[in-house]
PDB file of all heavy atoms in Angstrom:
ATOM      1  N   LYS A   1     122.421  47.311  96.977  1.00  0.00           N
ATOM      2  CA  LYS A   1     122.854  45.951  96.604  1.00  0.00           C
ATOM      3  C   LYS A   1     124.203  45.990  95.897  1.00  0.00           C
ATOM      4  O   LYS A   1     124.607  47.038  95.352  1.00  0.00           O
ATOM      5  CB  LYS A   1     121.837  45.288  95.683  1.00  0.00           C
ATOM      6  CG  LYS A   1     120.463  45.214  96.266  1.00  0.00           C
ATOM      7  CD  LYS A   1     120.401  44.401  97.560  1.00  0.00           C
ATOM      8  CE  LYS A   1     119.047  44.253  98.094  1.00  0.00           C
ATOM      9  NZ  LYS A   1     119.017  43.523  99.386  1.00  0.00           N
ATOM     10  N   ASP A   2     124.872  44.848  95.902  1.00  0.00           N
ATOM     11  CA  ASP A   2     126.202  44.826  95.227  1.00  0.00           C
ATOM     12  C   ASP A   2     126.114  45.151  93.740  1.00  0.00           C
ATOM     13  O   ASP A   2     127.106  45.601  93.134  1.00  0.00           O
ATOM     14  CB  ASP A   2     126.828  43.426  95.408  1.00  0.00           C
ATOM     15  CG  ASP A   2     127.291  43.180  96.828  1.00  0.00           C
ATOM     16  OD1 ASP A   2     127.367  44.152  97.604  1.00  0.00           O
ATOM     17  OD2 ASP A   2     127.544  41.992  97.220  1.00  0.00           O
ATOM     18  N   ASN A   3     124.933  44.906  93.150  1.00  0.00           N
ATOM     19  CA  ASN A   3     124.787  45.204  91.714  1.00  0.00           C
ATOM     20  C   ASN A   3     124.457  46.645  91.482  1.00  0.00           C
ATOM     21  O   ASN A   3     124.213  47.102  90.341  1.00  0.00           O
ATOM     22  CB  ASN A   3     123.732  44.287  91.071  1.00  0.00           C
ATOM     23  CG  ASN A   3     122.332  44.392  91.739  1.00  0.00           C
ATOM     24  OD1 ASN A   3     122.144  45.280  92.561  1.00  0.00           O
ATOM     25  ND2 ASN A   3     121.504  43.503  91.380  1.00  0.00           N
ATOM     26  N   GLY A   4     124.345  47.447  92.554  1.00  0.00           N
ATOM     27  CA  GLY A   4     124.074  48.897  92.400  1.00  0.00           C
ATOM     28  C   GLY A   4     122.657  49.338  92.389  1.00  0.00           C
ATOM     29  O   GLY A   4     122.354  50.462  92.101  1.00  0.00           O
ATOM     30  N   PHE A   5     121.738  48.411  92.779  1.00  0.00           N
ATOM     31  CA  PHE A   5     120.366  48.771  92.880  1.00  0.00           C
ATOM     32  C   PHE A   5     119.964  49.188  94.292  1.00  0.00           C
ATOM     33  O   PHE A   5     120.493  48.632  95.252  1.00  0.00           O
ATOM     34  CB  PHE A   5     119.423  47.626  92.445  1.00  0.00           C
ATOM     35  CG  PHE A   5     119.453  47.398  90.973  1.00  0.00           C
ATOM     36  CD1 PHE A   5     120.204  46.371  90.406  1.00  0.00           C
ATOM     37  CD2 PHE A   5     118.700  48.174  90.111  1.00  0.00           C
ATOM     38  CE1 PHE A   5     120.228  46.123  89.035  1.00  0.00           C
ATOM     39  CE2 PHE A   5     118.716  47.944  88.728  1.00  0.00           C
ATOM     40  CZ  PHE A   5     119.494  46.944  88.195  1.00  0.00           C
ATOM     41  N   LEU A   6     119.062  50.152  94.418  1.00  0.00           N
ATOM     42  CA  LEU A   6     118.543  50.571  95.706  1.00  0.00           C
ATOM     43  C   LEU A   6     117.273  49.805  96.011  1.00  0.00           C
ATOM     44  O   LEU A   6     116.330  49.819  95.231  1.00  0.00           O
ATOM     45  CB  LEU A   6     118.276  52.059  95.715  1.00  0.00           C
ATOM     46  CG  LEU A   6     119.465  53.002  95.891  1.00  0.00           C
ATOM     47  CD1 LEU A   6     119.024  54.428  95.766  1.00  0.00           C
ATOM     48  CD2 LEU A   6     120.112  52.771  97.243  1.00  0.00           C
ATOM     49  N   ASP A   7     117.256  49.130  97.142  1.00  0.00           N
ATOM     50  CA  ASP A   7     116.077  48.407  97.638  1.00  0.00           C
ATOM     51  C   ASP A   7     115.615  49.020  98.902  1.00  0.00           C
ATOM     52  O   ASP A   7     116.101  48.748 100.002  1.00  0.00           O
ATOM     53  CB  ASP A   7     116.432  46.908  97.828  1.00  0.00           C
ATOM     54  CG  ASP A   7     115.235  46.088  98.201  1.00  0.00           C
ATOM     55  OD1 ASP A   7     114.147  46.643  98.409  1.00  0.00           O
ATOM     56  OD2 ASP A   7     115.385  44.853  98.295  1.00  0.00           O
ATOM     57  N   VAL A   8     114.621  49.926  98.776  1.00  0.00           N
ATOM     58  CA  VAL A   8     114.137  50.645  99.946  1.00  0.00           C
ATOM     59  C   VAL A   8     113.302  49.762 100.889  1.00  0.00           C
ATOM     60  O   VAL A   8     112.880  50.231 101.919  1.00  0.00           O
ATOM     61  CB  VAL A   8     113.368  51.930  99.527  1.00  0.00           C
ATOM     62  CG1 VAL A   8     114.273  52.890  98.860  1.00  0.00           C
ATOM     63  CG2 VAL A   8     112.165  51.577  98.696  1.00  0.00           C
ATOM     64  N   GLY A   9     113.129  48.488 100.491  1.00  0.00           N
ATOM     65  CA  GLY A   9     112.418  47.612 101.385  1.00  0.00           C
ATOM     66  C   GLY A   9     113.211  47.370 102.682  1.00  0.00           C
ATOM     67  O   GLY A   9     112.666  46.911 103.716  1.00  0.00           O
ATOM     68  N   PHE A  10     114.493  47.669 102.659  1.00  0.00           N
ATOM     69  CA  PHE A  10     115.351  47.546 103.783  1.00  0.00           C
ATOM     70  C   PHE A  10     115.541  48.856 104.541  1.00  0.00           C
ATOM     71  O   PHE A  10     116.370  48.960 105.447  1.00  0.00           O
ATOM     72  CB  PHE A  10     116.685  46.945 103.389  1.00  0.00           C
ATOM     73  CG  PHE A  10     116.651  45.510 102.974  1.00  0.00           C
ATOM     74  CD1 PHE A  10     116.732  45.200 101.647  1.00  0.00           C
ATOM     75  CD2 PHE A  10     116.484  44.484 103.941  1.00  0.00           C
ATOM     76  CE1 PHE A  10     116.661  43.849 101.239  1.00  0.00           C
ATOM     77  CE2 PHE A  10     116.400  43.178 103.531  1.00  0.00           C
ATOM     78  CZ  PHE A  10     116.479  42.853 102.197  1.00  0.00           C
ATOM     79  N   SER A  11     114.828  49.915 104.163  1.00  0.00           N
ATOM     80  CA  SER A  11     114.908  51.180 104.836  1.00  0.00           C
ATOM     81  C   SER A  11     114.214  51.032 106.217  1.00  0.00           C
ATOM     82  O   SER A  11     113.408  50.141 106.464  1.00  0.00           O
ATOM     83  CB  SER A  11     114.265  52.309 104.053  1.00  0.00           C
ATOM     84  OG  SER A  11     112.874  52.089 103.845  1.00  0.00           O
ATOM     85  N   GLU A  12     114.589  51.967 107.131  1.00  0.00           N
ATOM     86  CA  GLU A  12     114.095  51.900 108.514  1.00  0.00           C
ATOM     87  C   GLU A  12     113.372  53.223 108.889  1.00  0.00           C
ATOM     88  O   GLU A  12     113.772  54.269 108.356  1.00  0.00           O
ATOM     89  CB  GLU A  12     115.200  51.613 109.464  1.00  0.00           C
ATOM     90  CG  GLU A  12     115.917  50.286 109.223  1.00  0.00           C
ATOM     91  CD  GLU A  12     117.116  50.075 110.143  1.00  0.00           C
ATOM     92  OE1 GLU A  12     117.504  51.063 110.827  1.00  0.00           O
ATOM     93  OE2 GLU A  12     117.672  48.982 110.207  1.00  0.00           O
ATOM     94  N   PRO A  13     112.422  53.193 109.769  1.00  0.00           N
ATOM     95  CA  PRO A  13     111.802  54.417 110.272  1.00  0.00           C
ATOM     96  C   PRO A  13     112.822  55.268 111.002  1.00  0.00           C
ATOM     97  O   PRO A  13     113.668  54.730 111.682  1.00  0.00           O
ATOM     98  CB  PRO A  13     110.694  53.958 111.144  1.00  0.00           C
ATOM     99  CG  PRO A  13     111.086  52.595 111.568  1.00  0.00           C
ATOM    100  CD  PRO A  13     111.833  51.991 110.431  1.00  0.00           C
ATOM    101  N   TYR A  14     112.687  56.545 110.835  1.00  0.00           N
ATOM    102  CA  TYR A  14     113.618  57.510 111.493  1.00  0.00           C
ATOM    103  C   TYR A  14     112.845  58.725 111.882  1.00  0.00           C
ATOM    104  O   TYR A  14     112.158  59.378 111.074  1.00  0.00           O
ATOM    105  CB  TYR A  14     114.782  57.870 110.536  1.00  0.00           C
ATOM    106  CG  TYR A  14     115.725  58.899 111.109  1.00  0.00           C
ATOM    107  CD1 TYR A  14     116.666  58.541 112.101  1.00  0.00           C
ATOM    108  CD2 TYR A  14     115.720  60.218 110.685  1.00  0.00           C
ATOM    109  CE1 TYR A  14     117.517  59.521 112.611  1.00  0.00           C
ATOM    110  CE2 TYR A  14     116.584  61.156 111.221  1.00  0.00           C
ATOM    111  CZ  TYR A  14     117.473  60.821 112.187  1.00  0.00           C
ATOM    112  OH  TYR A  14     118.327  61.698 112.677  1.00  0.00           O
ATOM    113  N   ALA A  15     112.934  59.067 113.192  1.00  0.00           N
ATOM    114  CA  ALA A  15     112.296  60.256 113.753  1.00  0.00           C
ATOM    115  C   ALA A  15     113.349  61.311 113.997  1.00  0.00           C
ATOM    116  O   ALA A  15     114.271  61.128 114.809  1.00  0.00           O
ATOM    117  CB  ALA A  15     111.535  59.884 115.023  1.00  0.00           C
ATOM    118  N   ALA A  16     113.218  62.458 113.313  1.00  0.00           N
ATOM    119  CA  ALA A  16     114.164  63.561 113.495  1.00  0.00           C
ATOM    120  C   ALA A  16     113.520  64.610 114.443  1.00  0.00           C
ATOM    121  O   ALA A  16     112.290  64.795 114.486  1.00  0.00           O
ATOM    122  CB  ALA A  16     114.475  64.210 112.156  1.00  0.00           C
ATOM    123  N   MET A  17     114.376  65.296 115.187  1.00  0.00           N
ATOM    124  CA  MET A  17     113.832  66.280 116.164  1.00  0.00           C
ATOM    125  C   MET A  17     113.355  67.527 115.444  1.00  0.00           C
ATOM    126  O   MET A  17     112.702  68.374 116.038  1.00  0.00           O
ATOM    127  CB  MET A  17     114.961  66.669 117.130  1.00  0.00           C
ATOM    128  CG  MET A  17     116.195  67.317 116.474  1.00  0.00           C
ATOM    129  SD  MET A  17     117.422  67.813 117.704  1.00  0.00           S
ATOM    130  CE  MET A  17     118.003  66.214 118.264  1.00  0.00           C
ATOM    131  N   GLU A  18     113.653  67.681 114.138  1.00  0.00           N
ATOM    132  CA  GLU A  18     113.228  68.824 113.352  1.00  0.00           C
ATOM    133  C   GLU A  18     113.179  68.474 111.882  1.00  0.00           C
ATOM    134  O   GLU A  18     113.655  67.382 111.494  1.00  0.00           O
ATOM    135  CB  GLU A  18     114.177  70.005 113.593  1.00  0.00           C
ATOM    136  CG  GLU A  18     115.624  69.697 113.155  1.00  0.00           C
ATOM    137  CD  GLU A  18     116.591  70.745 113.596  1.00  0.00           C
ATOM    138  OE1 GLU A  18     116.274  71.502 114.497  1.00  0.00           O
ATOM    139  OE2 GLU A  18     117.694  70.773 113.027  1.00  0.00           O
ATOM    140  N   GLU A  19     112.634  69.308 111.065  1.00  0.00           N
ATOM    141  CA  GLU A  19     112.637  69.016 109.649  1.00  0.00           C
ATOM    142  C   GLU A  19     114.050  69.092 109.121  1.00  0.00           C
ATOM    143  O   GLU A  19     114.793  69.970 109.438  1.00  0.00           O
ATOM    144  CB  GLU A  19     111.764  70.094 108.935  1.00  0.00           C
ATOM    145  CG  GLU A  19     111.608  69.836 107.439  1.00  0.00           C
ATOM    146  CD  GLU A  19     110.680  70.782 106.767  1.00  0.00           C
ATOM    147  OE1 GLU A  19     110.091  71.648 107.496  1.00  0.00           O
ATOM    148  OE2 GLU A  19     110.579  70.732 105.517  1.00  0.00           O
ATOM    149  N   LEU A  20     114.392  68.079 108.357  1.00  0.00           N
ATOM    150  CA  LEU A  20     115.785  67.982 107.837  1.00  0.00           C
ATOM    151  C   LEU A  20     115.978  68.779 106.566  1.00  0.00           C
ATOM    152  O   LEU A  20     114.962  68.951 105.765  1.00  0.00           O
ATOM    153  CB  LEU A  20     116.121  66.475 107.527  1.00  0.00           C
ATOM    154  CG  LEU A  20     116.098  65.543 108.738  1.00  0.00           C
ATOM    155  CD1 LEU A  20     116.338  64.120 108.263  1.00  0.00           C
ATOM    156  CD2 LEU A  20     117.100  65.965 109.811  1.00  0.00           C
ATOM    157  N   LYS A  21     117.208  69.240 106.348  1.00  0.00           N
ATOM    158  CA  LYS A  21     117.544  69.907 105.108  1.00  0.00           C
ATOM    159  C   LYS A  21     117.396  68.958 103.904  1.00  0.00           C
ATOM    160  O   LYS A  21     117.706  67.736 104.059  1.00  0.00           O
ATOM    161  CB  LYS A  21     118.973  70.451 105.155  1.00  0.00           C
ATOM    162  CG  LYS A  21     119.195  71.553 106.149  1.00  0.00           C
ATOM    163  CD  LYS A  21     120.669  72.006 106.106  1.00  0.00           C
ATOM    164  CE  LYS A  21     120.911  73.145 107.096  1.00  0.00           C
ATOM    165  NZ  LYS A  21     122.287  73.590 107.050  1.00  0.00           N
ATOM    166  N   LYS A  22     116.943  69.474 102.799  1.00  0.00           N
ATOM    167  CA  LYS A  22     116.791  68.655 101.635  1.00  0.00           C
ATOM    168  C   LYS A  22     118.135  68.045 101.157  1.00  0.00           C
ATOM    169  O   LYS A  22     118.177  67.077 100.425  1.00  0.00           O
ATOM    170  CB  LYS A  22     116.118  69.419 100.496  1.00  0.00           C
ATOM    171  CG  LYS A  22     114.656  69.758 100.780  1.00  0.00           C
ATOM    172  CD  LYS A  22     114.035  70.437  99.557  1.00  0.00           C
ATOM    173  CE  LYS A  22     112.566  70.724  99.815  1.00  0.00           C
ATOM    174  NZ  LYS A  22     111.907  71.422  98.698  1.00  0.00           N
ATOM    175  N   ASP A  23     119.224  68.709 101.604  1.00  0.00           N
ATOM    176  CA  ASP A  23     120.570  68.226 101.213  1.00  0.00           C
ATOM    177  C   ASP A  23     120.747  66.759 101.597  1.00  0.00           C
ATOM    178  O   ASP A  23     121.495  66.054 100.983  1.00  0.00           O
ATOM    179  CB  ASP A  23     121.638  69.076 101.905  1.00  0.00           C
ATOM    180  CG  ASP A  23     121.696  70.487 101.403  1.00  0.00           C
ATOM    181  OD1 ASP A  23     121.048  70.757 100.337  1.00  0.00           O
ATOM    182  OD2 ASP A  23     122.323  71.316 102.039  1.00  0.00           O
ATOM    183  N   PHE A  24     120.085  66.346 102.720  1.00  0.00           N
ATOM    184  CA  PHE A  24     120.310  65.020 103.254  1.00  0.00           C
ATOM    185  C   PHE A  24     119.237  64.062 102.823  1.00  0.00           C
ATOM    186  O   PHE A  24     119.211  62.877 103.272  1.00  0.00           O
ATOM    187  CB  PHE A  24     120.381  65.092 104.767  1.00  0.00           C
ATOM    188  CG  PHE A  24     121.560  65.835 105.312  1.00  0.00           C
ATOM    189  CD1 PHE A  24     121.397  67.051 105.919  1.00  0.00           C
ATOM    190  CD2 PHE A  24     122.877  65.374 105.108  1.00  0.00           C
ATOM    191  CE1 PHE A  24     122.464  67.768 106.391  1.00  0.00           C
ATOM    192  CE2 PHE A  24     123.945  66.105 105.588  1.00  0.00           C
ATOM    193  CZ  PHE A  24     123.759  67.289 106.211  1.00  0.00           C
ATOM    194  N   LEU A  25     118.317  64.517 102.002  1.00  0.00           N
ATOM    195  CA  LEU A  25     117.238  63.641 101.516  1.00  0.00           C
ATOM    196  C   LEU A  25     117.514  63.283 100.071  1.00  0.00           C
ATOM    197  O   LEU A  25     117.932  64.112  99.267  1.00  0.00           O
ATOM    198  CB  LEU A  25     115.839  64.339 101.610  1.00  0.00           C
ATOM    199  CG  LEU A  25     115.452  64.821 103.026  1.00  0.00           C
ATOM    200  CD1 LEU A  25     114.085  65.467 102.938  1.00  0.00           C
ATOM    201  CD2 LEU A  25     115.436  63.648 104.015  1.00  0.00           C
ATOM    202  N   SER A  26     117.244  62.038  99.721  1.00  0.00           N
ATOM    203  CA  SER A  26     117.533  61.573  98.362  1.00  0.00           C
ATOM    204  C   SER A  26     116.714  62.350  97.330  1.00  0.00           C
ATOM    205  O   SER A  26     115.536  62.578  97.529  1.00  0.00           O
ATOM    206  CB  SER A  26     117.256  60.009  98.251  1.00  0.00           C
ATOM    207  OG  SER A  26     115.923  59.793  98.533  1.00  0.00           O
ATOM    208  N   GLN A  27     117.357  62.735  96.243  1.00  0.00           N
ATOM    209  CA  GLN A  27     116.730  63.436  95.137  1.00  0.00           C
ATOM    210  C   GLN A  27     116.966  62.717  93.860  1.00  0.00           C
ATOM    211  O   GLN A  27     118.006  62.027  93.713  1.00  0.00           O
ATOM    212  CB  GLN A  27     117.270  64.838  95.067  1.00  0.00           C
ATOM    213  CG  GLN A  27     116.997  65.741  96.319  1.00  0.00           C
ATOM    214  CD  GLN A  27     117.551  67.122  96.186  1.00  0.00           C
ATOM    215  OE1 GLN A  27     117.747  67.647  95.118  1.00  0.00           O
ATOM    216  NE2 GLN A  27     117.788  67.781  97.334  1.00  0.00           N
ATOM    217  N   GLU A  28     116.038  62.860  92.955  1.00  0.00           N
ATOM    218  CA  GLU A  28     116.198  62.163  91.654  1.00  0.00           C
ATOM    219  C   GLU A  28     117.496  62.593  90.978  1.00  0.00           C
ATOM    220  O   GLU A  28     117.790  63.809  90.911  1.00  0.00           O
ATOM    221  CB  GLU A  28     115.017  62.451  90.757  1.00  0.00           C
ATOM    222  CG  GLU A  28     115.070  61.722  89.419  1.00  0.00           C
ATOM    223  CD  GLU A  28     113.858  62.009  88.553  1.00  0.00           C
ATOM    224  OE1 GLU A  28     112.992  62.845  88.939  1.00  0.00           O
ATOM    225  OE2 GLU A  28     113.807  61.435  87.428  1.00  0.00           O
ATOM    226  N   GLY A  29     118.261  61.641  90.521  1.00  0.00           N
ATOM    227  CA  GLY A  29     119.532  61.941  89.875  1.00  0.00           C
ATOM    228  C   GLY A  29     120.720  61.907  90.793  1.00  0.00           C
ATOM    229  O   GLY A  29     121.841  62.007  90.351  1.00  0.00           O
ATOM    230  N   ASP A  30     120.474  61.811  92.097  1.00  0.00           N
ATOM    231  CA  ASP A  30     121.600  61.665  93.058  1.00  0.00           C
ATOM    232  C   ASP A  30     122.314  60.356  92.794  1.00  0.00           C
ATOM    233  O   ASP A  30     121.694  59.348  92.449  1.00  0.00           O
ATOM    234  CB  ASP A  30     121.089  61.675  94.521  1.00  0.00           C
ATOM    235  CG  ASP A  30     120.737  63.067  95.014  1.00  0.00           C
ATOM    236  OD1 ASP A  30     120.932  64.036  94.300  1.00  0.00           O
ATOM    237  OD2 ASP A  30     120.221  63.148  96.177  1.00  0.00           O
ATOM    238  N   ILE A  31     123.622  60.399  93.048  1.00  0.00           N
ATOM    239  CA  ILE A  31     124.424  59.182  93.056  1.00  0.00           C
ATOM    240  C   ILE A  31     124.876  58.945  94.493  1.00  0.00           C
ATOM    241  O   ILE A  31     125.488  59.829  95.092  1.00  0.00           O
ATOM    242  CB  ILE A  31     125.605  59.284  92.127  1.00  0.00           C
ATOM    243  CG1 ILE A  31     125.124  59.561  90.692  1.00  0.00           C
ATOM    244  CG2 ILE A  31     126.436  58.024  92.153  1.00  0.00           C
ATOM    245  CD1 ILE A  31     126.244  59.979  89.753  1.00  0.00           C
ATOM    246  N   LEU A  32     124.533  57.775  95.036  1.00  0.00           N
ATOM    247  CA  LEU A  32     124.946  57.434  96.392  1.00  0.00           C
ATOM    248  C   LEU A  32     126.039  56.411  96.291  1.00  0.00           C
ATOM    249  O   LEU A  32     125.961  55.446  95.558  1.00  0.00           O
ATOM    250  CB  LEU A  32     123.774  56.871  97.175  1.00  0.00           C
ATOM    251  CG  LEU A  32     122.466  57.726  97.188  1.00  0.00           C
ATOM    252  CD1 LEU A  32     121.441  56.994  98.066  1.00  0.00           C
ATOM    253  CD2 LEU A  32     122.759  59.135  97.695  1.00  0.00           C
ATOM    254  N   VAL A  33     127.099  56.641  97.042  1.00  0.00           N
ATOM    255  CA  VAL A  33     128.224  55.721  97.070  1.00  0.00           C
ATOM    256  C   VAL A  33     128.526  55.239  98.473  1.00  0.00           C
ATOM    257  O   VAL A  33     128.675  56.077  99.402  1.00  0.00           O
ATOM    258  CB  VAL A  33     129.531  56.367  96.501  1.00  0.00           C
ATOM    259  CG1 VAL A  33     130.646  55.320  96.288  1.00  0.00           C
ATOM    260  CG2 VAL A  33     129.253  57.125  95.146  1.00  0.00           C
ATOM    261  N   ARG A  34     128.592  53.963  98.653  1.00  0.00           N
ATOM    262  CA  ARG A  34     128.970  53.426  99.936  1.00  0.00           C
ATOM    263  C   ARG A  34     130.377  53.897 100.289  1.00  0.00           C
ATOM    264  O   ARG A  34     131.291  53.787  99.461  1.00  0.00           O
ATOM    265  CB  ARG A  34     128.924  51.886  99.939  1.00  0.00           C
ATOM    266  CG  ARG A  34     127.561  51.275 100.173  1.00  0.00           C
ATOM    267  CD  ARG A  34     127.666  49.766 100.281  1.00  0.00           C
ATOM    268  NE  ARG A  34     128.542  49.371 101.344  1.00  0.00           N
ATOM    269  CZ  ARG A  34     128.358  48.301 102.134  1.00  0.00           C
ATOM    270  NH1 ARG A  34     127.346  47.502 101.867  1.00  0.00           N
ATOM    271  NH2 ARG A  34     129.225  47.938 103.065  1.00  0.00           N
ATOM    272  N   LEU A  35     130.581  54.328 101.501  1.00  0.00           N
ATOM    273  CA  LEU A  35     131.908  54.754 101.950  1.00  0.00           C
ATOM    274  C   LEU A  35     132.701  53.590 102.630  1.00  0.00           C
ATOM    275  O   LEU A  35     133.770  53.842 103.163  1.00  0.00           O
ATOM    276  CB  LEU A  35     131.759  55.941 102.908  1.00  0.00           C
ATOM    277  CG  LEU A  35     131.175  57.169 102.282  1.00  0.00           C
ATOM    278  CD1 LEU A  35     131.023  58.298 103.306  1.00  0.00           C
ATOM    279  CD2 LEU A  35     132.058  57.692 101.139  1.00  0.00           C
ATOM    280  N   SER A  36     132.083  52.430 102.551  1.00  0.00           N
ATOM    281  CA  SER A  36     132.756  51.180 103.037  1.00  0.00           C
ATOM    282  C   SER A  36     132.681  50.154 101.917  1.00  0.00           C
ATOM    283  O   SER A  36     131.856  50.260 100.991  1.00  0.00           O
ATOM    284  CB  SER A  36     132.191  50.706 104.312  1.00  0.00           C
ATOM    285  OG  SER A  36     130.759  50.418 104.127  1.00  0.00           O
ATOM    286  N   ALA A  37     133.580  49.142 101.995  1.00  0.00           N
ATOM    287  CA  ALA A  37     133.572  48.083 100.973  1.00  0.00           C
ATOM    288  C   ALA A  37     132.206  47.492 100.806  1.00  0.00           C
ATOM    289  O   ALA A  37     131.474  47.282 101.811  1.00  0.00           O
ATOM    290  CB  ALA A  37     134.581  47.018 101.359  1.00  0.00           C
ATOM    291  N   PRO A  38     131.750  47.218  99.567  1.00  0.00           N
ATOM    292  CA  PRO A  38     132.496  47.285  98.329  1.00  0.00           C
ATOM    293  C   PRO A  38     132.403  48.590  97.561  1.00  0.00           C
ATOM    294  O   PRO A  38     132.571  48.575  96.356  1.00  0.00           O
ATOM    295  CB  PRO A  38     131.893  46.112  97.533  1.00  0.00           C
ATOM    296  CG  PRO A  38     130.446  46.108  97.943  1.00  0.00           C
ATOM    297  CD  PRO A  38     130.448  46.498  99.404  1.00  0.00           C
ATOM    298  N   TYR A  39     132.054  49.665  98.228  1.00  0.00           N
ATOM    299  CA  TYR A  39     132.015  51.024  97.661  1.00  0.00           C
ATOM    300  C   TYR A  39     131.111  51.091  96.416  1.00  0.00           C
ATOM    301  O   TYR A  39     131.438  51.689  95.390  1.00  0.00           O
ATOM    302  CB  TYR A  39     133.445  51.458  97.257  1.00  0.00           C
ATOM    303  CG  TYR A  39     134.419  51.257  98.422  1.00  0.00           C
ATOM    304  CD1 TYR A  39     135.277  50.166  98.428  1.00  0.00           C
ATOM    305  CD2 TYR A  39     134.413  52.088  99.528  1.00  0.00           C
ATOM    306  CE1 TYR A  39     136.131  49.974  99.522  1.00  0.00           C
ATOM    307  CE2 TYR A  39     135.233  51.907 100.620  1.00  0.00           C
ATOM    308  CZ  TYR A  39     136.108  50.848 100.614  1.00  0.00           C
ATOM    309  OH  TYR A  39     136.943  50.591 101.670  1.00  0.00           O
ATOM    310  N   THR A  40     129.937  50.489  96.565  1.00  0.00           N
ATOM    311  CA  THR A  40     128.976  50.411  95.466  1.00  0.00           C
ATOM    312  C   THR A  40     128.352  51.782  95.185  1.00  0.00           C
ATOM    313  O   THR A  40     127.993  52.496  96.138  1.00  0.00           O
ATOM    314  CB  THR A  40     127.877  49.405  95.796  1.00  0.00           C
ATOM    315  OG1 THR A  40     128.493  48.211  96.304  1.00  0.00           O
ATOM    316  CG2 THR A  40     127.060  49.066  94.536  1.00  0.00           C
ATOM    317  N   ALA A  41     128.141  52.100  93.954  1.00  0.00           N
ATOM    318  CA  ALA A  41     127.456  53.353  93.578  1.00  0.00           C
ATOM    319  C   ALA A  41     126.106  53.037  92.987  1.00  0.00           C
ATOM    320  O   ALA A  41     125.921  52.071  92.248  1.00  0.00           O
ATOM    321  CB  ALA A  41     128.326  54.111  92.537  1.00  0.00           C
ATOM    322  N   ALA A  42     125.129  53.806  93.391  1.00  0.00           N
ATOM    323  CA  ALA A  42     123.753  53.640  92.913  1.00  0.00           C
ATOM    324  C   ALA A  42     123.102  54.936  92.571  1.00  0.00           C
ATOM    325  O   ALA A  42     123.435  55.988  93.126  1.00  0.00           O
ATOM    326  CB  ALA A  42     122.913  52.897  93.971  1.00  0.00           C
ATOM    327  N   LEU A  43     122.183  54.919  91.603  1.00  0.00           N
ATOM    328  CA  LEU A  43     121.473  56.100  91.131  1.00  0.00           C
ATOM    329  C   LEU A  43     120.073  56.148  91.755  1.00  0.00           C
ATOM    330  O   LEU A  43     119.375  55.145  91.799  1.00  0.00           O
ATOM    331  CB  LEU A  43     121.399  56.107  89.616  1.00  0.00           C
ATOM    332  CG  LEU A  43     120.733  57.356  88.951  1.00  0.00           C
ATOM    333  CD1 LEU A  43     121.636  58.542  89.136  1.00  0.00           C
ATOM    334  CD2 LEU A  43     120.521  57.031  87.464  1.00  0.00           C
TER     335      LEU A  43
END
């Protein structure tokens, strides 16, 4: 959200061909930043 909150209610199912590296899975304490406007950061 624009206020920096994560709302996983808008997440979507995703089927991967193999187990994904943990690098690409959200971890507690991660900061995610949108790479497009408005470049919101969320914890």
